[in-house]
Amino acid sequence: MPTIPNLNPTQDILLSSFLTETTKNKLVRLRGLPYTVTKPDIIRFFQPNFKIEENDVVIEVIKGKHTGWALALLPSDFEANWAAWELNKKFIGQRYIEVDLCANI
C-alpha cells in the first residue's frame, strides 16, 4: 500500500499534493480538526474499525500552523467509503469532524 512520505515540519504541507490517481479512492479528507490535533489523535479517531498508521496520515500546515484539515490513507477504496460514512460528524474532543471521500472532491 502506498504511504505518505515523511515531511519537513518547517515547510508548508498542502493536501492537494498528496492526491494522485492511485491514492484518491483510498484517501479520506478530515475537516474541522482541532488545531492541536496530532497524528495519534487521528489514528485513535479511526479505531477500532479502521487500521491506519502514522505514515498514513498527513495534517495540512500553512505558514507553520495547522489548518484544521488532514488526509488519511486507508487500505482500500471500500474502507475509505466505509470510514467516510461511519465517521462523518463524529467528535475529536469538542469538535465534530467532517469526513469526505477524496474521490468525490
C-alpha atoms as a PDB file:
ATOM      1  CA  MET A   1       0.000   0.000   0.000  1.00  0.00           C
ATOM      2  CA  PRO A   2       1.379   3.482  -0.798  1.00  0.00           C
ATOM      3  CA  THR A   3       2.213   5.596   2.227  1.00  0.00           C
ATOM      4  CA  ILE A   4       2.531   9.299   2.803  1.00  0.00           C
ATOM      5  CA  PRO A   5       6.215  10.314   2.949  1.00  0.00           C
ATOM      6  CA  ASN A   6       7.915  11.843   5.989  1.00  0.00           C
ATOM      7  CA  LEU A   7       7.778  15.618   5.798  1.00  0.00           C
ATOM      8  CA  ASN A   8       9.866  18.526   6.960  1.00  0.00           C
ATOM      9  CA  PRO A   9       7.831  20.152   9.776  1.00  0.00           C
ATOM     10  CA  THR A  10       9.003  23.667   8.840  1.00  0.00           C
ATOM     11  CA  GLN A  11       7.613  23.579   5.301  1.00  0.00           C
ATOM     12  CA  ASP A  12       4.044  24.095   4.159  1.00  0.00           C
ATOM     13  CA  ILE A  13       2.152  20.827   3.761  1.00  0.00           C
ATOM     14  CA  LEU A  14      -0.637  21.133   1.209  1.00  0.00           C
ATOM     15  CA  LEU A  15      -3.132  18.296   0.995  1.00  0.00           C
ATOM     16  CA  SER A  16      -3.584  18.699  -2.759  1.00  0.00           C
ATOM     17  CA  SER A  17      -0.024  17.476  -3.331  1.00  0.00           C
ATOM     18  CA  PHE A  18      -0.999  14.011  -1.980  1.00  0.00           C
ATOM     19  CA  LEU A  19      -3.946  13.379  -4.302  1.00  0.00           C
ATOM     20  CA  THR A  20      -2.925  11.040  -7.101  1.00  0.00           C
ATOM     21  CA  GLU A  21      -4.861   8.721  -9.375  1.00  0.00           C
ATOM     22  CA  THR A  22      -3.615   5.707  -7.401  1.00  0.00           C
ATOM     23  CA  THR A  23      -4.455   7.076  -3.943  1.00  0.00           C
ATOM     24  CA  LYS A  24      -7.512   9.312  -4.350  1.00  0.00           C
ATOM     25  CA  ASN A  25     -10.020   6.455  -3.967  1.00  0.00           C
ATOM     26  CA  LYS A  26      -8.346   5.326  -0.718  1.00  0.00           C
ATOM     27  CA  LEU A  27      -7.995   8.801   0.827  1.00  0.00           C
ATOM     28  CA  VAL A  28     -10.467  10.487   3.131  1.00  0.00           C
ATOM     29  CA  ARG A  29     -10.350  14.183   3.944  1.00  0.00           C
ATOM     30  CA  LEU A  30     -10.936  15.295   7.511  1.00  0.00           C
ATOM     31  CA  ARG A  31     -12.184  18.835   8.071  1.00  0.00           C
ATOM     32  CA  GLY A  32     -12.829  20.713  11.308  1.00  0.00           C
ATOM     33  CA  LEU A  33      -9.941  19.231  13.258  1.00  0.00           C
ATOM     34  CA  PRO A  34      -8.744  20.995  16.404  1.00  0.00           C
ATOM     35  CA  TYR A  35      -5.594  22.994  15.634  1.00  0.00           C
ATOM     36  CA  THR A  36      -3.772  20.979  18.301  1.00  0.00           C
ATOM     37  CA  VAL A  37      -4.624  17.591  16.735  1.00  0.00           C
ATOM     38  CA  THR A  38      -1.804  15.086  16.336  1.00  0.00           C
ATOM     39  CA  LYS A  39      -1.391  12.042  14.139  1.00  0.00           C
ATOM     40  CA  PRO A  40      -2.022   9.716  17.134  1.00  0.00           C
ATOM     41  CA  ASP A  41      -5.300  11.612  17.790  1.00  0.00           C
ATOM     42  CA  ILE A  42      -6.394  10.940  14.213  1.00  0.00           C
ATOM     43  CA  ILE A  43      -5.372   7.276  14.440  1.00  0.00           C
ATOM     44  CA  ARG A  44      -7.486   6.907  17.617  1.00  0.00           C
ATOM     45  CA  PHE A  45     -10.416   8.560  15.771  1.00  0.00           C
ATOM     46  CA  PHE A  46     -10.308   5.718  13.225  1.00  0.00           C
ATOM     47  CA  GLN A  47     -10.015   2.899  15.796  1.00  0.00           C
ATOM     48  CA  PRO A  48     -11.158   0.208  16.321  1.00  0.00           C
ATOM     49  CA  ASN A  49     -12.792  -0.315  12.909  1.00  0.00           C
ATOM     50  CA  PHE A  50     -10.005   1.023  10.703  1.00  0.00           C
ATOM     51  CA  LYS A  51      -6.290   0.299  10.873  1.00  0.00           C
ATOM     52  CA  ILE A  52      -4.086   3.190   9.864  1.00  0.00           C
ATOM     53  CA  GLU A  53      -0.589   4.166  10.965  1.00  0.00           C
ATOM     54  CA  GLU A  54       1.236   7.474  11.344  1.00  0.00           C
ATOM     55  CA  ASN A  55       2.649   7.297   7.828  1.00  0.00           C
ATOM     56  CA  ASP A  56      -0.957   7.050   6.523  1.00  0.00           C
ATOM     57  CA  VAL A  57      -1.894  10.487   7.915  1.00  0.00           C
ATOM     58  CA  VAL A  58      -0.938  13.973   6.756  1.00  0.00           C
ATOM     59  CA  ILE A  59      -2.058  17.124   8.565  1.00  0.00           C
ATOM     60  CA  GLU A  60      -2.182  20.291   6.470  1.00  0.00           C
ATOM     61  CA  VAL A  61       0.177  23.037   7.654  1.00  0.00           C
ATOM     62  CA  ILE A  62       0.432  26.523   6.143  1.00  0.00           C
ATOM     63  CA  LYS A  63       2.925  29.072   7.464  1.00  0.00           C
ATOM     64  CA  GLY A  64       3.701  26.777  10.388  1.00  0.00           C
ATOM     65  CA  LYS A  65       0.077  26.451  11.564  1.00  0.00           C
ATOM     66  CA  HIS A  66      -2.413  23.625  11.277  1.00  0.00           C
ATOM     67  CA  THR A  67      -5.391  24.471   9.072  1.00  0.00           C
ATOM     68  CA  GLY A  68      -7.845  22.006  10.636  1.00  0.00           C
ATOM     69  CA  TRP A  69      -7.661  19.697   7.593  1.00  0.00           C
ATOM     70  CA  ALA A  70      -5.985  16.320   7.134  1.00  0.00           C
ATOM     71  CA  LEU A  71      -5.904  13.266   4.889  1.00  0.00           C
ATOM     72  CA  ALA A  72      -5.904   9.629   5.924  1.00  0.00           C
ATOM     73  CA  LEU A  73      -4.955   6.805   3.583  1.00  0.00           C
ATOM     74  CA  LEU A  74      -6.947   3.619   4.102  1.00  0.00           C
ATOM     75  CA  PRO A  75      -6.049   0.140   2.784  1.00  0.00           C
ATOM     76  CA  SER A  76      -8.840   0.027   0.175  1.00  0.00           C
ATOM     77  CA  ASP A  77     -11.479   2.139  -1.516  1.00  0.00           C
ATOM     78  CA  PHE A  78     -14.129   0.059   0.295  1.00  0.00           C
ATOM     79  CA  GLU A  79     -12.662   1.024   3.688  1.00  0.00           C
ATOM     80  CA  ALA A  80     -12.403   4.673   2.627  1.00  0.00           C
ATOM     81  CA  ASN A  81     -16.117   4.656   1.713  1.00  0.00           C
ATOM     82  CA  TRP A  82     -16.995   2.944   4.972  1.00  0.00           C
ATOM     83  CA  ALA A  83     -14.886   5.385   7.021  1.00  0.00           C
ATOM     84  CA  ALA A  84     -16.496   8.397   5.339  1.00  0.00           C
ATOM     85  CA  TRP A  85     -19.950   7.014   6.105  1.00  0.00           C
ATOM     86  CA  GLU A  86     -19.184   5.728   9.615  1.00  0.00           C
ATOM     87  CA  LEU A  87     -17.061   8.605  10.968  1.00  0.00           C
ATOM     88  CA  ASN A  88     -18.606  11.699   9.404  1.00  0.00           C
ATOM     89  CA  LYS A  89     -19.758  14.119  12.131  1.00  0.00           C
ATOM     90  CA  LYS A  90     -18.092  12.116  14.937  1.00  0.00           C
ATOM     91  CA  PHE A  91     -16.100  14.073  17.514  1.00  0.00           C
ATOM     92  CA  ILE A  92     -12.474  14.650  18.388  1.00  0.00           C
ATOM     93  CA  GLY A  93     -12.641  16.496  21.675  1.00  0.00           C
ATOM     94  CA  GLN A  94     -15.325  19.195  21.417  1.00  0.00           C
ATOM     95  CA  ARG A  95     -15.221  19.378  17.611  1.00  0.00           C
ATOM     96  CA  TYR A  96     -17.224  17.326  15.156  1.00  0.00           C
ATOM     97  CA  ILE A  97     -15.216  16.201  12.171  1.00  0.00           C
ATOM     98  CA  GLU A  98     -16.420  16.134   8.587  1.00  0.00           C
ATOM     99  CA  VAL A  99     -15.088  13.071   6.765  1.00  0.00           C
ATOM    100  CA  ASP A 100     -15.342  13.014   2.957  1.00  0.00           C
ATOM    101  CA  LEU A 101     -14.025  10.784   0.208  1.00  0.00           C
ATOM    102  CA  CYS A 102     -11.263  12.448  -1.746  1.00  0.00           C
ATOM    103  CA  ALA A 103     -12.555  10.750  -4.894  1.00  0.00           C
ATOM    104  CA  ASN A 104     -15.645  12.999  -4.620  1.00  0.00           C
ATOM    105  CA  ILE A 105     -13.845  16.322  -4.319  1.00  0.00           C
END
